[in-house]
Amino acid sequence: MLQLGVTRLDCAGGVTGAVLDPLVKSEQDRIVIRADVEALPPGAHDCQENNAVPVTVHLDQPVGKRELVDAACLEGRAIDTAACTNNGVRWRP
């Protein structure tokens, strides 16, 4: 079991919103986790930092010697953000 803090990439008036069920892909050398959030309602939203929403991820097997990787940093708009340095690796054994 892992505890994550999930934030929204988009401007949302400081609110991340509801987190959808995380997707977990276990590989030999890493575990890749993607945690998306519900779509924003229509309208303009200011760009203050969004809150981190705590999310529990249940793993089918121990992490062991594998890296934990944020899937949002592997493709899409988040790749070039400061949060995605180290290729999205959030924990390394």
Protein backbone atom coordinates (compact mmCIF):
# COMPACT_ATOMS: atom_id res chain seq x y z
CA MET A 1 0.00 0.00 0.00
CA LEU A 2 1.29 3.48 -0.91
CA GLN A 3 0.10 6.93 0.15
CA LEU A 4 0.29 9.54 -2.63
CA GLY A 5 -0.46 13.24 -2.82
CA VAL A 6 -2.18 14.00 -6.15
CA THR A 7 -2.42 17.49 -7.66
CA ARG A 8 -3.97 18.83 -10.84
CA LEU A 9 -1.76 20.22 -13.61
CA ASP A 10 -4.39 22.71 -14.82
CA CYS A 11 -5.37 25.99 -13.21
CA ALA A 12 -8.30 25.17 -10.96
CA GLY A 13 -8.59 27.90 -8.35
CA GLY A 14 -6.51 26.00 -5.81
CA VAL A 15 -8.69 22.88 -5.88
CA THR A 16 -7.43 19.59 -7.31
CA GLY A 17 -10.83 17.89 -7.18
CA ALA A 18 -11.79 14.23 -7.06
CA VAL A 19 -9.09 11.72 -7.97
CA LEU A 20 -10.05 8.83 -10.24
CA ASP A 21 -8.91 5.29 -9.47
CA PRO A 22 -5.14 5.19 -10.02
CA LEU A 23 -3.76 2.95 -12.76
CA VAL A 24 -0.78 0.79 -11.77
CA LYS A 25 1.57 -0.96 -14.18
CA SER A 26 4.10 -3.29 -12.56
CA GLU A 27 7.25 -3.87 -14.58
CA GLN A 28 10.47 -5.71 -13.78
CA ASP A 29 12.47 -2.58 -12.82
CA ARG A 30 9.73 -0.09 -11.97
CA ILE A 31 6.13 0.47 -10.96
CA VAL A 32 4.38 3.17 -12.99
CA ILE A 33 1.40 4.89 -11.37
CA ARG A 34 -1.05 7.26 -13.05
CA ALA A 35 -3.59 9.18 -10.97
CA ASP A 36 -5.94 11.37 -13.01
CA VAL A 37 -8.54 13.78 -11.64
CA GLU A 38 -12.11 14.51 -12.73
CA ALA A 39 -12.62 17.09 -15.47
CA LEU A 40 -13.05 20.70 -14.42
CA PRO A 41 -16.44 22.36 -14.74
CA PRO A 42 -16.64 24.92 -17.57
CA GLY A 43 -15.46 28.44 -16.88
CA ALA A 44 -12.36 30.42 -16.02
CA HIS A 45 -10.13 29.25 -13.17
CA ASP A 46 -7.29 31.19 -11.58
CA CYS A 47 -3.83 29.68 -11.33
CA GLN A 48 -2.97 29.35 -7.69
CA GLU A 49 -1.32 26.12 -6.54
CA ASN A 50 -3.82 23.26 -6.28
CA ASN A 51 -4.11 21.30 -3.04
CA ALA A 52 -2.61 17.80 -2.77
CA VAL A 53 -5.32 15.16 -2.38
CA PRO A 54 -4.23 12.08 -0.38
CA VAL A 55 -4.77 8.82 -2.26
CA THR A 56 -4.03 5.26 -1.19
CA VAL A 57 -2.74 2.90 -3.90
CA HIS A 58 -2.89 -0.83 -3.27
CA LEU A 59 -0.15 -2.86 -4.95
CA ASP A 60 -0.45 -6.53 -5.91
CA GLN A 61 3.17 -7.18 -4.94
CA PRO A 62 5.90 -5.54 -2.86
CA VAL A 63 7.85 -2.65 -4.39
CA GLY A 64 11.13 -4.42 -3.67
CA LYS A 65 14.04 -2.91 -5.63
CA ARG A 66 11.87 -1.21 -8.23
CA GLU A 67 11.53 2.54 -8.83
CA LEU A 68 8.18 4.25 -8.38
CA VAL A 69 7.42 6.39 -11.44
CA ASP A 70 4.77 9.04 -12.07
CA ALA A 71 3.16 8.10 -15.40
CA ALA A 72 2.18 11.74 -16.05
CA CYS A 73 5.89 12.44 -16.57
CA LEU A 74 6.29 9.84 -19.32
CA GLU A 75 3.96 11.43 -21.88
CA GLY A 76 1.69 14.42 -22.16
CA ARG A 77 1.76 18.03 -20.95
CA ALA A 78 3.50 17.41 -17.61
CA ILE A 79 6.78 16.18 -19.13
CA ASP A 80 8.35 19.64 -19.29
CA THR A 81 7.31 20.72 -15.80
CA ALA A 82 9.64 21.00 -12.80
CA ALA A 83 7.73 18.14 -11.16
CA CYS A 84 8.94 15.78 -13.87
CA THR A 85 12.68 16.05 -13.39
CA ASN A 86 14.36 12.65 -13.03
CA ASN A 87 11.96 11.22 -15.64
CA GLY A 88 9.16 11.14 -13.10
CA VAL A 89 10.94 8.85 -10.63
CA ARG A 90 9.31 9.55 -7.26
CA TRP A 91 11.22 6.92 -5.28
CA ARG A 92 14.34 4.94 -6.01
CA PRO A 93 15.61 2.03 -3.84
